[in-house]
Amino acid sequence: MKHRSLLRIIPAIIFLLSATLAASDVFLLELLTVPSGHPVHRWWQYLFLTAAWLSAAAVFNQMIRWILFDKILTRAIGGPVPGVLKALSSVLVYLLTITAIVGLIYQQSVTAFLAALGAGGIV
């Protein structure tokens, strides 16, 4: 049981680390003697902001499972919550997160992303 509780904090640690690295990009890259206009700055932001968003989604997903499904809904229905409902909520959380990453970090069209996702679902 102790390993399980340690595994739950890994996404939070990754979130804090990636958010810190994304916020301190100018200082760290200057320390590594990377010139200010170099494309590494952009890729550094892409990498660590994407990692921060995905790890934040993992933490949020764990909180939803623990608070909503394991505590509230289990008491409300008097038994375990169906796994399909938990999986569906996870898919929704990660879909919204990936959509936010595409729109906010990579500054691409969210409409085109969702259209491509729908077309892929049809095929």
PDB file of N, CA and C in Angstrom:
ATOM      1  N   MET A   1       0.819  -1.200   0.000  1.00  0.00           N
ATOM      2  CA  MET A   1       0.000   0.000   0.000  1.00  0.00           C
ATOM      3  C   MET A   1       0.864   1.265   0.000  1.00  0.00           C
ATOM      4  N   LYS A   2       2.047   1.160   0.579  1.00  0.00           N
ATOM      5  CA  LYS A   2       2.922   2.327   0.631  1.00  0.00           C
ATOM      6  C   LYS A   2       3.402   2.728  -0.758  1.00  0.00           C
ATOM      7  N   HIS A   3       3.676   1.738  -1.635  1.00  0.00           N
ATOM      8  CA  HIS A   3       4.092   2.058  -2.996  1.00  0.00           C
ATOM      9  C   HIS A   3       2.990   2.779  -3.750  1.00  0.00           C
ATOM     10  N   ARG A   4       1.754   2.382  -3.514  1.00  0.00           N
ATOM     11  CA  ARG A   4       0.627   3.003  -4.201  1.00  0.00           C
ATOM     12  C   ARG A   4       0.502   4.486  -3.833  1.00  0.00           C
ATOM     13  N   SER A   5       0.697   4.810  -2.563  1.00  0.00           N
ATOM     14  CA  SER A   5       0.593   6.211  -2.156  1.00  0.00           C
ATOM     15  C   SER A   5       1.775   7.029  -2.694  1.00  0.00           C
ATOM     16  N   LEU A   6       2.944   6.403  -2.830  1.00  0.00           N
ATOM     17  CA  LEU A   6       4.079   7.106  -3.410  1.00  0.00           C
ATOM     18  C   LEU A   6       3.878   7.348  -4.896  1.00  0.00           C
ATOM     19  N   LEU A   7       3.241   6.406  -5.582  1.00  0.00           N
ATOM     20  CA  LEU A   7       2.991   6.576  -7.011  1.00  0.00           C
ATOM     21  C   LEU A   7       2.005   7.702  -7.283  1.00  0.00           C
ATOM     22  N   ARG A   8       1.150   7.996  -6.337  1.00  0.00           N
ATOM     23  CA  ARG A   8       0.163   9.060  -6.527  1.00  0.00           C
ATOM     24  C   ARG A   8       0.783  10.455  -6.519  1.00  0.00           C
ATOM     25  N   ILE A   9       1.950  10.601  -5.899  1.00  0.00           N
ATOM     26  CA  ILE A   9       2.554  11.933  -5.843  1.00  0.00           C
ATOM     27  C   ILE A   9       3.506  12.197  -7.009  1.00  0.00           C
ATOM     28  N   ILE A  10       3.800  11.181  -7.814  1.00  0.00           N
ATOM     29  CA  ILE A  10       4.721  11.371  -8.942  1.00  0.00           C
ATOM     30  C   ILE A  10       4.213  12.419  -9.927  1.00  0.00           C
ATOM     31  N   PRO A  11       2.926  12.399 -10.353  1.00  0.00           N
ATOM     32  CA  PRO A  11       2.472  13.475 -11.259  1.00  0.00           C
ATOM     33  C   PRO A  11       2.592  14.868 -10.644  1.00  0.00           C
ATOM     34  N   ALA A  12       2.388  14.989  -9.351  1.00  0.00           N
ATOM     35  CA  ALA A  12       2.524  16.297  -8.701  1.00  0.00           C
ATOM     36  C   ALA A  12       3.976  16.759  -8.721  1.00  0.00           C
ATOM     37  N   ILE A  13       4.898  15.832  -8.496  1.00  0.00           N
ATOM     38  CA  ILE A  13       6.319  16.181  -8.539  1.00  0.00           C
ATOM     39  C   ILE A  13       6.721  16.597  -9.951  1.00  0.00           C
ATOM     40  N   ILE A  14       6.250  15.842 -10.951  1.00  0.00           N
ATOM     41  CA  ILE A  14       6.551  16.182 -12.347  1.00  0.00           C
ATOM     42  C   ILE A  14       5.967  17.545 -12.698  1.00  0.00           C
ATOM     43  N   PHE A  15       4.750  17.831 -12.226  1.00  0.00           N
ATOM     44  CA  PHE A  15       4.135  19.129 -12.486  1.00  0.00           C
ATOM     45  C   PHE A  15       4.975  20.256 -11.899  1.00  0.00           C
ATOM     46  N   LEU A  16       5.362  20.130 -10.642  1.00  0.00           N
ATOM     47  CA  LEU A  16       6.150  21.186 -10.004  1.00  0.00           C
ATOM     48  C   LEU A  16       7.500  21.374 -10.692  1.00  0.00           C
ATOM     49  N   LEU A  17       8.139  20.283 -11.047  1.00  0.00           N
ATOM     50  CA  LEU A  17       9.442  20.368 -11.707  1.00  0.00           C
ATOM     51  C   LEU A  17       9.330  20.997 -13.090  1.00  0.00           C
ATOM     52  N   SER A  18       8.366  20.547 -13.894  1.00  0.00           N
ATOM     53  CA  SER A  18       8.237  21.077 -15.255  1.00  0.00           C
ATOM     54  C   SER A  18       7.764  22.532 -15.253  1.00  0.00           C
ATOM     55  N   ALA A  19       6.884  22.885 -14.330  1.00  0.00           N
ATOM     56  CA  ALA A  19       6.442  24.283 -14.249  1.00  0.00           C
ATOM     57  C   ALA A  19       7.594  25.191 -13.832  1.00  0.00           C
ATOM     58  N   THR A  20       8.427  24.721 -12.919  1.00  0.00           N
ATOM     59  CA  THR A  20       9.586  25.502 -12.499  1.00  0.00           C
ATOM     60  C   THR A  20      10.582  25.671 -13.644  1.00  0.00           C
ATOM     61  N   LEU A  21      10.830  24.592 -14.378  1.00  0.00           N
ATOM     62  CA  LEU A  21      11.773  24.670 -15.497  1.00  0.00           C
ATOM     63  C   LEU A  21      11.236  25.543 -16.623  1.00  0.00           C
ATOM     64  N   ALA A  22       9.929  25.511 -16.856  1.00  0.00           N
ATOM     65  CA  ALA A  22       9.347  26.364 -17.894  1.00  0.00           C
ATOM     66  C   ALA A  22       9.393  27.830 -17.484  1.00  0.00           C
ATOM     67  N   ALA A  23       9.205  28.111 -16.201  1.00  0.00           N
ATOM     68  CA  ALA A  23       9.202  29.496 -15.734  1.00  0.00           C
ATOM     69  C   ALA A  23      10.606  30.101 -15.688  1.00  0.00           C
ATOM     70  N   SER A  24      11.605  29.259 -15.483  1.00  0.00           N
ATOM     71  CA  SER A  24      12.965  29.779 -15.360  1.00  0.00           C
ATOM     72  C   SER A  24      13.804  29.484 -16.599  1.00  0.00           C
ATOM     73  N   ASP A  25      13.164  29.475 -17.763  1.00  0.00           N
ATOM     74  CA  ASP A  25      13.872  29.127 -18.997  1.00  0.00           C
ATOM     75  C   ASP A  25      14.970  30.118 -19.356  1.00  0.00           C
ATOM     76  N   VAL A  26      14.709  31.399 -19.212  1.00  0.00           N
ATOM     77  CA  VAL A  26      15.694  32.405 -19.605  1.00  0.00           C
ATOM     78  C   VAL A  26      16.952  32.267 -18.748  1.00  0.00           C
ATOM     79  N   PHE A  27      16.772  32.150 -17.451  1.00  0.00           N
ATOM     80  CA  PHE A  27      17.915  32.032 -16.546  1.00  0.00           C
ATOM     81  C   PHE A  27      18.715  30.765 -16.826  1.00  0.00           C
ATOM     82  N   LEU A  28      18.033  29.632 -16.954  1.00  0.00           N
ATOM     83  CA  LEU A  28      18.747  28.363 -17.148  1.00  0.00           C
ATOM     84  C   LEU A  28      19.440  28.286 -18.502  1.00  0.00           C
ATOM     85  N   LEU A  29      18.791  28.778 -19.535  1.00  0.00           N
ATOM     86  CA  LEU A  29      19.412  28.718 -20.851  1.00  0.00           C
ATOM     87  C   LEU A  29      20.568  29.702 -20.984  1.00  0.00           C
ATOM     88  N   GLU A  30      20.492  30.832 -20.298  1.00  0.00           N
ATOM     89  CA  GLU A  30      21.638  31.737 -20.268  1.00  0.00           C
ATOM     90  C   GLU A  30      22.791  31.107 -19.488  1.00  0.00           C
ATOM     91  N   LEU A  31      22.456  30.372 -18.443  1.00  0.00           N
ATOM     92  CA  LEU A  31      23.472  29.662 -17.667  1.00  0.00           C
ATOM     93  C   LEU A  31      24.168  28.609 -18.514  1.00  0.00           C
ATOM     94  N   LEU A  32      23.403  28.005 -19.450  1.00  0.00           N
ATOM     95  CA  LEU A  32      23.973  27.010 -20.367  1.00  0.00           C
ATOM     96  C   LEU A  32      24.571  27.654 -21.616  1.00  0.00           C
ATOM     97  N   THR A  33      24.665  28.961 -21.640  1.00  0.00           N
ATOM     98  CA  THR A  33      25.229  29.778 -22.731  1.00  0.00           C
ATOM     99  C   THR A  33      24.514  29.572 -24.063  1.00  0.00           C
ATOM    100  N   VAL A  34      23.200  29.499 -24.021  1.00  0.00           N
ATOM    101  CA  VAL A  34      22.400  29.441 -25.248  1.00  0.00           C
ATOM    102  C   VAL A  34      22.005  30.870 -25.582  1.00  0.00           C
ATOM    103  N   PRO A  35      22.274  31.342 -26.813  1.00  0.00           N
ATOM    104  CA  PRO A  35      21.919  32.720 -27.169  1.00  0.00           C
ATOM    105  C   PRO A  35      20.411  32.961 -27.085  1.00  0.00           C
ATOM    106  N   SER A  36      20.019  34.206 -26.883  1.00  0.00           N
ATOM    107  CA  SER A  36      18.617  34.527 -26.598  1.00  0.00           C
ATOM    108  C   SER A  36      17.659  34.254 -27.755  1.00  0.00           C
ATOM    109  N   GLY A  37      18.074  34.347 -28.992  1.00  0.00           N
ATOM    110  CA  GLY A  37      17.163  34.121 -30.109  1.00  0.00           C
ATOM    111  C   GLY A  37      17.174  32.689 -30.637  1.00  0.00           C
ATOM    112  N   HIS A  38      17.856  31.813 -29.980  1.00  0.00           N
ATOM    113  CA  HIS A  38      18.030  30.435 -30.451  1.00  0.00           C
ATOM    114  C   HIS A  38      16.716  29.659 -30.359  1.00  0.00           C
ATOM    115  N   PRO A  39      16.458  28.750 -31.320  1.00  0.00           N
ATOM    116  CA  PRO A  39      15.215  27.959 -31.278  1.00  0.00           C
ATOM    117  C   PRO A  39      15.089  27.047 -30.056  1.00  0.00           C
ATOM    118  N   VAL A  40      16.174  26.836 -29.347  1.00  0.00           N
ATOM    119  CA  VAL A  40      16.108  26.000 -28.142  1.00  0.00           C
ATOM    120  C   VAL A  40      15.155  26.604 -27.119  1.00  0.00           C
ATOM    121  N   HIS A  41      15.069  27.932 -27.067  1.00  0.00           N
ATOM    122  CA  HIS A  41      14.161  28.597 -26.130  1.00  0.00           C
ATOM    123  C   HIS A  41      12.714  28.183 -26.389  1.00  0.00           C
ATOM    124  N   ARG A  42      12.341  28.188 -27.660  1.00  0.00           N
ATOM    125  CA  ARG A  42      10.976  27.804 -28.019  1.00  0.00           C
ATOM    126  C   ARG A  42      10.714  26.350 -27.685  1.00  0.00           C
ATOM    127  N   TRP A  43      11.640  25.464 -28.021  1.00  0.00           N
ATOM    128  CA  TRP A  43      11.436  24.036 -27.753  1.00  0.00           C
ATOM    129  C   TRP A  43      11.462  23.741 -26.260  1.00  0.00           C
ATOM    130  N   TRP A  44      12.241  24.495 -25.510  1.00  0.00           N
ATOM    131  CA  TRP A  44      12.268  24.357 -24.058  1.00  0.00           C
ATOM    132  C   TRP A  44      10.873  24.654 -23.499  1.00  0.00           C
ATOM    133  N   GLN A  45      10.270  25.753 -23.952  1.00  0.00           N
ATOM    134  CA  GLN A  45       8.923  26.106 -23.509  1.00  0.00           C
ATOM    135  C   GLN A  45       7.910  25.040 -23.913  1.00  0.00           C
ATOM    136  N   TYR A  46       7.983  24.569 -25.163  1.00  0.00           N
ATOM    137  CA  TYR A  46       7.061  23.526 -25.612  1.00  0.00           C
ATOM    138  C   TYR A  46       7.163  22.281 -24.736  1.00  0.00           C
ATOM    139  N   LEU A  47       8.371  21.850 -24.489  1.00  0.00           N
ATOM    140  CA  LEU A  47       8.578  20.614 -23.736  1.00  0.00           C
ATOM    141  C   LEU A  47       8.060  20.719 -22.307  1.00  0.00           C
ATOM    142  N   PHE A  48       8.473  21.742 -21.591  1.00  0.00           N
ATOM    143  CA  PHE A  48       8.143  21.802 -20.175  1.00  0.00           C
ATOM    144  C   PHE A  48       6.727  22.297 -19.904  1.00  0.00           C
ATOM    145  N   LEU A  49       6.187  23.147 -20.772  1.00  0.00           N
ATOM    146  CA  LEU A  49       4.784  23.527 -20.591  1.00  0.00           C
ATOM    147  C   LEU A  49       3.848  22.367 -20.923  1.00  0.00           C
ATOM    148  N   THR A  50       4.187  21.581 -21.944  1.00  0.00           N
ATOM    149  CA  THR A  50       3.383  20.393 -22.257  1.00  0.00           C
ATOM    150  C   THR A  50       3.443  19.397 -21.116  1.00  0.00           C
ATOM    151  N   ALA A  51       4.631  19.180 -20.571  1.00  0.00           N
ATOM    152  CA  ALA A  51       4.763  18.269 -19.423  1.00  0.00           C
ATOM    153  C   ALA A  51       3.994  18.784 -18.214  1.00  0.00           C
ATOM    154  N   ALA A  52       4.000  20.090 -17.998  1.00  0.00           N
ATOM    155  CA  ALA A  52       3.260  20.668 -16.873  1.00  0.00           C
ATOM    156  C   ALA A  52       1.758  20.471 -17.045  1.00  0.00           C
ATOM    157  N   TRP A  53       1.242  20.716 -18.246  1.00  0.00           N
ATOM    158  CA  TRP A  53      -0.187  20.530 -18.489  1.00  0.00           C
ATOM    159  C   TRP A  53      -0.597  19.063 -18.334  1.00  0.00           C
ATOM    160  N   LEU A  54       0.192  18.150 -18.898  1.00  0.00           N
ATOM    161  CA  LEU A  54      -0.171  16.729 -18.813  1.00  0.00           C
ATOM    162  C   LEU A  54      -0.082  16.208 -17.383  1.00  0.00           C
ATOM    163  N   SER A  55       0.920  16.632 -16.648  1.00  0.00           N
ATOM    164  CA  SER A  55       1.016  16.179 -15.260  1.00  0.00           C
ATOM    165  C   SER A  55      -0.073  16.813 -14.393  1.00  0.00           C
ATOM    166  N   ALA A  56      -0.441  18.057 -14.684  1.00  0.00           N
ATOM    167  CA  ALA A  56      -1.557  18.676 -13.964  1.00  0.00           C
ATOM    168  C   ALA A  56      -2.860  17.939 -14.258  1.00  0.00           C
ATOM    169  N   ALA A  57      -3.015  17.481 -15.495  1.00  0.00           N
ATOM    170  CA  ALA A  57      -4.207  16.688 -15.834  1.00  0.00           C
ATOM    171  C   ALA A  57      -4.203  15.361 -15.081  1.00  0.00           C
ATOM    172  N   ALA A  58      -3.035  14.756 -14.925  1.00  0.00           N
ATOM    173  CA  ALA A  58      -2.948  13.498 -14.181  1.00  0.00           C
ATOM    174  C   ALA A  58      -3.309  13.707 -12.710  1.00  0.00           C
ATOM    175  N   VAL A  59      -2.840  14.808 -12.128  1.00  0.00           N
ATOM    176  CA  VAL A  59      -3.185  15.125 -10.737  1.00  0.00           C
ATOM    177  C   VAL A  59      -4.685  15.386 -10.615  1.00  0.00           C
ATOM    178  N   PHE A  60      -5.237  16.157 -11.541  1.00  0.00           N
ATOM    179  CA  PHE A  60      -6.673  16.443 -11.532  1.00  0.00           C
ATOM    180  C   PHE A  60      -7.493  15.164 -11.689  1.00  0.00           C
ATOM    181  N   ASN A  61      -7.042  14.282 -12.569  1.00  0.00           N
ATOM    182  CA  ASN A  61      -7.727  13.016 -12.780  1.00  0.00           C
ATOM    183  C   ASN A  61      -7.698  12.161 -11.510  1.00  0.00           C
ATOM    184  N   GLN A  62      -6.573  12.123 -10.828  1.00  0.00           N
ATOM    185  CA  GLN A  62      -6.481  11.382  -9.572  1.00  0.00           C
ATOM    186  C   GLN A  62      -7.407  11.975  -8.513  1.00  0.00           C
ATOM    187  N   MET A  63      -7.490  13.295  -8.460  1.00  0.00           N
ATOM    188  CA  MET A  63      -8.376  13.940  -7.494  1.00  0.00           C
ATOM    189  C   MET A  63      -9.836  13.623  -7.785  1.00  0.00           C
ATOM    190  N   ILE A  64     -10.202  13.625  -9.061  1.00  0.00           N
ATOM    191  CA  ILE A  64     -11.575  13.276  -9.431  1.00  0.00           C
ATOM    192  C   ILE A  64     -11.889  11.845  -9.010  1.00  0.00           C
ATOM    193  N   ARG A  65     -10.976  10.930  -9.299  1.00  0.00           N
ATOM    194  CA  ARG A  65     -11.200   9.526  -8.928  1.00  0.00           C
ATOM    195  C   ARG A  65     -11.293   9.356  -7.418  1.00  0.00           C
ATOM    196  N   TRP A  66     -10.413  10.028  -6.695  1.00  0.00           N
ATOM    197  CA  TRP A  66     -10.377   9.835  -5.257  1.00  0.00           C
ATOM    198  C   TRP A  66     -11.563  10.508  -4.563  1.00  0.00           C
ATOM    199  N   ILE A  67     -11.819  11.765  -4.895  1.00  0.00           N
ATOM    200  CA  ILE A  67     -12.876  12.501  -4.206  1.00  0.00           C
ATOM    201  C   ILE A  67     -14.256  12.142  -4.742  1.00  0.00           C
ATOM    202  N   LEU A  68     -14.435  12.252  -6.050  1.00  0.00           N
ATOM    203  CA  LEU A  68     -15.763  12.074  -6.626  1.00  0.00           C
ATOM    204  C   LEU A  68     -16.188  10.607  -6.660  1.00  0.00           C
ATOM    205  N   PHE A  69     -15.344   9.767  -7.243  1.00  0.00           N
ATOM    206  CA  PHE A  69     -15.766   8.377  -7.430  1.00  0.00           C
ATOM    207  C   PHE A  69     -15.606   7.529  -6.172  1.00  0.00           C
ATOM    208  N   ASP A  70     -14.432   7.595  -5.537  1.00  0.00           N
ATOM    209  CA  ASP A  70     -14.181   6.726  -4.389  1.00  0.00           C
ATOM    210  C   ASP A  70     -14.882   7.176  -3.118  1.00  0.00           C
ATOM    211  N   LYS A  71     -15.144   8.435  -2.980  1.00  0.00           N
ATOM    212  CA  LYS A  71     -15.792   8.934  -1.759  1.00  0.00           C
ATOM    213  C   LYS A  71     -17.285   9.215  -1.957  1.00  0.00           C
ATOM    214  N   ILE A  72     -17.589  10.160  -2.820  1.00  0.00           N
ATOM    215  CA  ILE A  72     -18.966  10.658  -2.922  1.00  0.00           C
ATOM    216  C   ILE A  72     -19.884   9.657  -3.618  1.00  0.00           C
ATOM    217  N   LEU A  73     -19.533   9.238  -4.832  1.00  0.00           N
ATOM    218  CA  LEU A  73     -20.427   8.356  -5.583  1.00  0.00           C
ATOM    219  C   LEU A  73     -20.520   6.954  -4.999  1.00  0.00           C
ATOM    220  N   THR A  74     -19.448   6.474  -4.376  1.00  0.00           N
ATOM    221  CA  THR A  74     -19.510   5.154  -3.751  1.00  0.00           C
ATOM    222  C   THR A  74     -20.520   5.151  -2.615  1.00  0.00           C
ATOM    223  N   ARG A  75     -20.547   6.216  -1.835  1.00  0.00           N
ATOM    224  CA  ARG A  75     -21.544   6.323  -0.757  1.00  0.00           C
ATOM    225  C   ARG A  75     -22.946   6.524  -1.327  1.00  0.00           C
ATOM    226  N   ALA A  76     -23.054   7.298  -2.396  1.00  0.00           N
ATOM    227  CA  ALA A  76     -24.375   7.614  -2.949  1.00  0.00           C
ATOM    228  C   ALA A  76     -25.052   6.387  -3.551  1.00  0.00           C
ATOM    229  N   ILE A  77     -24.288   5.545  -4.264  1.00  0.00           N
ATOM    230  CA  ILE A  77     -24.914   4.376  -4.895  1.00  0.00           C
ATOM    231  C   ILE A  77     -24.777   3.120  -4.050  1.00  0.00           C
ATOM    232  N   GLY A  78     -24.015   3.196  -2.971  1.00  0.00           N
ATOM    233  CA  GLY A  78     -23.905   2.068  -2.055  1.00  0.00           C
ATOM    234  C   GLY A  78     -23.055   0.920  -2.574  1.00  0.00           C
ATOM    235  N   GLY A  79     -22.176   1.192  -3.478  1.00  0.00           N
ATOM    236  CA  GLY A  79     -21.299   0.161  -4.032  1.00  0.00           C
ATOM    237  C   GLY A  79     -20.225   0.796  -4.889  1.00  0.00           C
ATOM    238  N   PRO A  80     -19.429  -0.038  -5.519  1.00  0.00           N
ATOM    239  CA  PRO A  80     -18.357   0.518  -6.350  1.00  0.00           C
ATOM    240  C   PRO A  80     -18.894   1.195  -7.610  1.00  0.00           C
ATOM    241  N   VAL A  81     -18.187   2.217  -8.032  1.00  0.00           N
ATOM    242  CA  VAL A  81     -18.543   2.954  -9.253  1.00  0.00           C
ATOM    243  C   VAL A  81     -18.061   2.144 -10.452  1.00  0.00           C
ATOM    244  N   PRO A  82     -18.885   2.014 -11.497  1.00  0.00           N
ATOM    245  CA  PRO A  82     -18.466   1.258 -12.682  1.00  0.00           C
ATOM    246  C   PRO A  82     -17.184   1.813 -13.303  1.00  0.00           C
ATOM    247  N   GLY A  83     -16.322   0.912 -13.731  1.00  0.00           N
ATOM    248  CA  GLY A  83     -15.044   1.295 -14.322  1.00  0.00           C
ATOM    249  C   GLY A  83     -15.193   2.086 -15.604  1.00  0.00           C
ATOM    250  N   VAL A  84     -16.281   1.840 -16.344  1.00  0.00           N
ATOM    251  CA  VAL A  84     -16.511   2.568 -17.597  1.00  0.00           C
ATOM    252  C   VAL A  84     -16.690   4.058 -17.314  1.00  0.00           C
ATOM    253  N   LEU A  85     -17.376   4.383 -16.244  1.00  0.00           N
ATOM    254  CA  LEU A  85     -17.588   5.785 -15.888  1.00  0.00           C
ATOM    255  C   LEU A  85     -16.259   6.458 -15.516  1.00  0.00           C
ATOM    256  N   LYS A  86     -15.411   5.729 -14.787  1.00  0.00           N
ATOM    257  CA  LYS A  86     -14.089   6.272 -14.439  1.00  0.00           C
ATOM    258  C   LYS A  86     -13.237   6.465 -15.692  1.00  0.00           C
ATOM    259  N   ALA A  87     -13.274   5.495 -16.592  1.00  0.00           N
ATOM    260  CA  ALA A  87     -12.487   5.593 -17.830  1.00  0.00           C
ATOM    261  C   ALA A  87     -12.994   6.728 -18.707  1.00  0.00           C
ATOM    262  N   LEU A  88     -14.309   6.907 -18.788  1.00  0.00           N
ATOM    263  CA  LEU A  88     -14.887   7.977 -19.590  1.00  0.00           C
ATOM    264  C   LEU A  88     -14.492   9.352 -19.048  1.00  0.00           C
ATOM    265  N   SER A  89     -14.472   9.499 -17.730  1.00  0.00           N
ATOM    266  CA  SER A  89     -14.056  10.782 -17.154  1.00  0.00           C
ATOM    267  C   SER A  89     -12.574  11.034 -17.417  1.00  0.00           C
ATOM    268  N   SER A  90     -11.757   9.994 -17.380  1.00  0.00           N
ATOM    269  CA  SER A  90     -10.328  10.154 -17.681  1.00  0.00           C
ATOM    270  C   SER A  90     -10.115  10.589 -19.122  1.00  0.00           C
ATOM    271  N   VAL A  91     -10.851   9.974 -20.042  1.00  0.00           N
ATOM    272  CA  VAL A  91     -10.743  10.348 -21.454  1.00  0.00           C
ATOM    273  C   VAL A  91     -11.137  11.809 -21.637  1.00  0.00           C
ATOM    274  N   LEU A  92     -12.194  12.233 -20.980  1.00  0.00           N
ATOM    275  CA  LEU A  92     -12.641  13.622 -21.093  1.00  0.00           C
ATOM    276  C   LEU A  92     -11.601  14.596 -20.540  1.00  0.00           C
ATOM    277  N   VAL A  93     -11.012  14.275 -19.393  1.00  0.00           N
ATOM    278  CA  VAL A  93      -9.988  15.144 -18.796  1.00  0.00           C
ATOM    279  C   VAL A  93      -8.794  15.282 -19.728  1.00  0.00           C
ATOM    280  N   TYR A  94      -8.304  14.147 -20.255  1.00  0.00           N
ATOM    281  CA  TYR A  94      -7.127  14.207 -21.122  1.00  0.00           C
ATOM    282  C   TYR A  94      -7.448  14.827 -22.483  1.00  0.00           C
ATOM    283  N   LEU A  95      -8.647  14.641 -22.991  1.00  0.00           N
ATOM    284  CA  LEU A  95      -9.033  15.279 -24.249  1.00  0.00           C
ATOM    285  C   LEU A  95      -9.065  16.800 -24.101  1.00  0.00           C
ATOM    286  N   LEU A  96      -9.639  17.278 -23.012  1.00  0.00           N
ATOM    287  CA  LEU A  96      -9.656  18.718 -22.764  1.00  0.00           C
ATOM    288  C   LEU A  96      -8.247  19.273 -22.551  1.00  0.00           C
ATOM    289  N   THR A  97      -7.410  18.488 -21.891  1.00  0.00           N
ATOM    290  CA  THR A  97      -6.033  18.924 -21.665  1.00  0.00           C
ATOM    291  C   THR A  97      -5.255  19.017 -22.970  1.00  0.00           C
ATOM    292  N   ILE A  98      -5.365  18.010 -23.800  1.00  0.00           N
ATOM    293  CA  ILE A  98      -4.651  18.023 -25.082  1.00  0.00           C
ATOM    294  C   ILE A  98      -5.168  19.146 -25.975  1.00  0.00           C
ATOM    295  N   THR A  99      -6.475  19.393 -25.928  1.00  0.00           N
ATOM    296  CA  THR A  99      -7.038  20.509 -26.689  1.00  0.00           C
ATOM    297  C   THR A  99      -6.475  21.836 -26.190  1.00  0.00           C
ATOM    298  N   ALA A 100      -6.364  21.998 -24.878  1.00  0.00           N
ATOM    299  CA  ALA A 100      -5.786  23.225 -24.320  1.00  0.00           C
ATOM    300  C   ALA A 100      -4.315  23.357 -24.701  1.00  0.00           C
ATOM    301  N   ILE A 101      -3.582  22.255 -24.709  1.00  0.00           N
ATOM    302  CA  ILE A 101      -2.168  22.296 -25.097  1.00  0.00           C
ATOM    303  C   ILE A 101      -2.025  22.745 -26.542  1.00  0.00           C
ATOM    304  N   VAL A 102      -2.851  22.174 -27.417  1.00  0.00           N
ATOM    305  CA  VAL A 102      -2.782  22.534 -28.838  1.00  0.00           C
ATOM    306  C   VAL A 102      -3.091  24.023 -29.026  1.00  0.00           C
ATOM    307  N   GLY A 103      -4.107  24.514 -28.339  1.00  0.00           N
ATOM    308  CA  GLY A 103      -4.518  25.902 -28.521  1.00  0.00           C
ATOM    309  C   GLY A 103      -3.646  26.913 -27.809  1.00  0.00           C
ATOM    310  N   LEU A 104      -3.221  26.607 -26.576  1.00  0.00           N
ATOM    311  CA  LEU A 104      -2.508  27.603 -25.774  1.00  0.00           C
ATOM    312  C   LEU A 104      -0.992  27.542 -25.927  1.00  0.00           C
ATOM    313  N   ILE A 105      -0.429  26.367 -25.972  1.00  0.00           N
ATOM    314  CA  ILE A 105       1.027  26.260 -26.043  1.00  0.00           C
ATOM    315  C   ILE A 105       1.514  26.321 -27.485  1.00  0.00           C
ATOM    316  N   TYR A 106       0.937  25.468 -28.337  1.00  0.00           N
ATOM    317  CA  TYR A 106       1.401  25.414 -29.725  1.00  0.00           C
ATOM    318  C   TYR A 106       0.699  26.434 -30.617  1.00  0.00           C
ATOM    319  N   GLN A 107      -0.320  27.111 -30.095  1.00  0.00           N
ATOM    320  CA  GLN A 107      -1.067  28.163 -30.777  1.00  0.00           C
ATOM    321  C   GLN A 107      -1.542  27.730 -32.159  1.00  0.00           C
ATOM    322  N   GLN A 108      -2.115  26.532 -32.203  1.00  0.00           N
ATOM    323  CA  GLN A 108      -2.710  26.004 -33.414  1.00  0.00           C
ATOM    324  C   GLN A 108      -4.223  26.065 -33.287  1.00  0.00           C
ATOM    325  N   SER A 109      -4.906  25.856 -34.371  1.00  0.00           N
ATOM    326  CA  SER A 109      -6.360  25.920 -34.382  1.00  0.00           C
ATOM    327  C   SER A 109      -6.952  24.714 -33.654  1.00  0.00           C
ATOM    328  N   VAL A 110      -7.720  25.006 -32.632  1.00  0.00           N
ATOM    329  CA  VAL A 110      -8.378  23.941 -31.881  1.00  0.00           C
ATOM    330  C   VAL A 110      -9.478  23.309 -32.727  1.00  0.00           C
ATOM    331  N   THR A 111     -10.125  24.093 -33.555  1.00  0.00           N
ATOM    332  CA  THR A 111     -11.177  23.577 -34.423  1.00  0.00           C
ATOM    333  C   THR A 111     -10.618  22.529 -35.381  1.00  0.00           C
ATOM    334  N   ALA A 112      -9.485  22.822 -35.979  1.00  0.00           N
ATOM    335  CA  ALA A 112      -8.865  21.857 -36.884  1.00  0.00           C
ATOM    336  C   ALA A 112      -8.443  20.594 -36.131  1.00  0.00           C
ATOM    337  N   PHE A 113      -7.946  20.753 -34.903  1.00  0.00           N
ATOM    338  CA  PHE A 113      -7.552  19.600 -34.101  1.00  0.00           C
ATOM    339  C   PHE A 113      -8.756  18.717 -33.785  1.00  0.00           C
ATOM    340  N   LEU A 114      -9.855  19.340 -33.365  1.00  0.00           N
ATOM    341  CA  LEU A 114     -11.047  18.557 -33.029  1.00  0.00           C
ATOM    342  C   LEU A 114     -11.678  17.928 -34.274  1.00  0.00           C
ATOM    343  N   ALA A 115     -11.608  18.618 -35.409  1.00  0.00           N
ATOM    344  CA  ALA A 115     -12.112  18.042 -36.652  1.00  0.00           C
ATOM    345  C   ALA A 115     -11.290  16.831 -37.063  1.00  0.00           C
ATOM    346  N   ALA A 116      -9.978  16.935 -36.940  1.00  0.00           N
ATOM    347  CA  ALA A 116      -9.117  15.794 -37.247  1.00  0.00           C
ATOM    348  C   ALA A 116      -9.345  14.647 -36.282  1.00  0.00           C
ATOM    349  N   LEU A 117      -9.600  14.963 -35.030  1.00  0.00           N
ATOM    350  CA  LEU A 117      -9.904  13.936 -34.038  1.00  0.00           C
ATOM    351  C   LEU A 117     -11.219  13.243 -34.352  1.00  0.00           C
ATOM    352  N   GLY A 118     -12.214  14.001 -34.767  1.00  0.00           N
ATOM    353  CA  GLY A 118     -13.492  13.401 -35.161  1.00  0.00           C
ATOM    354  C   GLY A 118     -13.384  12.571 -36.409  1.00  0.00           C
ATOM    355  N   ALA A 119     -12.619  13.027 -37.370  1.00  0.00           N
ATOM    356  CA  ALA A 119     -12.424  12.265 -38.602  1.00  0.00           C
ATOM    357  C   ALA A 119     -11.669  10.974 -38.307  1.00  0.00           C
ATOM    358  N   GLY A 120     -10.716  11.016 -37.398  1.00  0.00           N
ATOM    359  CA  GLY A 120     -10.003   9.811 -37.001  1.00  0.00           C
ATOM    360  C   GLY A 120     -10.890   8.832 -36.275  1.00  0.00           C
ATOM    361  N   GLY A 121     -11.867   9.350 -35.526  1.00  0.00           N
ATOM    362  CA  GLY A 121     -12.813   8.480 -34.815  1.00  0.00           C
ATOM    363  C   GLY A 121     -13.760   7.770 -35.759  1.00  0.00           C
ATOM    364  N   ILE A 122     -14.079   8.422 -36.880  1.00  0.00           N
ATOM    365  CA  ILE A 122     -14.981   7.811 -37.871  1.00  0.00           C
ATOM    366  C   ILE A 122     -14.288   6.675 -38.589  1.00  0.00           C
ATOM    367  N   VAL A 123     -13.018   6.875 -38.903  1.00  0.00           N
ATOM    368  CA  VAL A 123     -12.248   5.856 -39.620  1.00  0.00           C
ATOM    369  C   VAL A 123     -11.968   4.733 -38.675  1.00  0.00           C
TER     370      VAL A 123
END
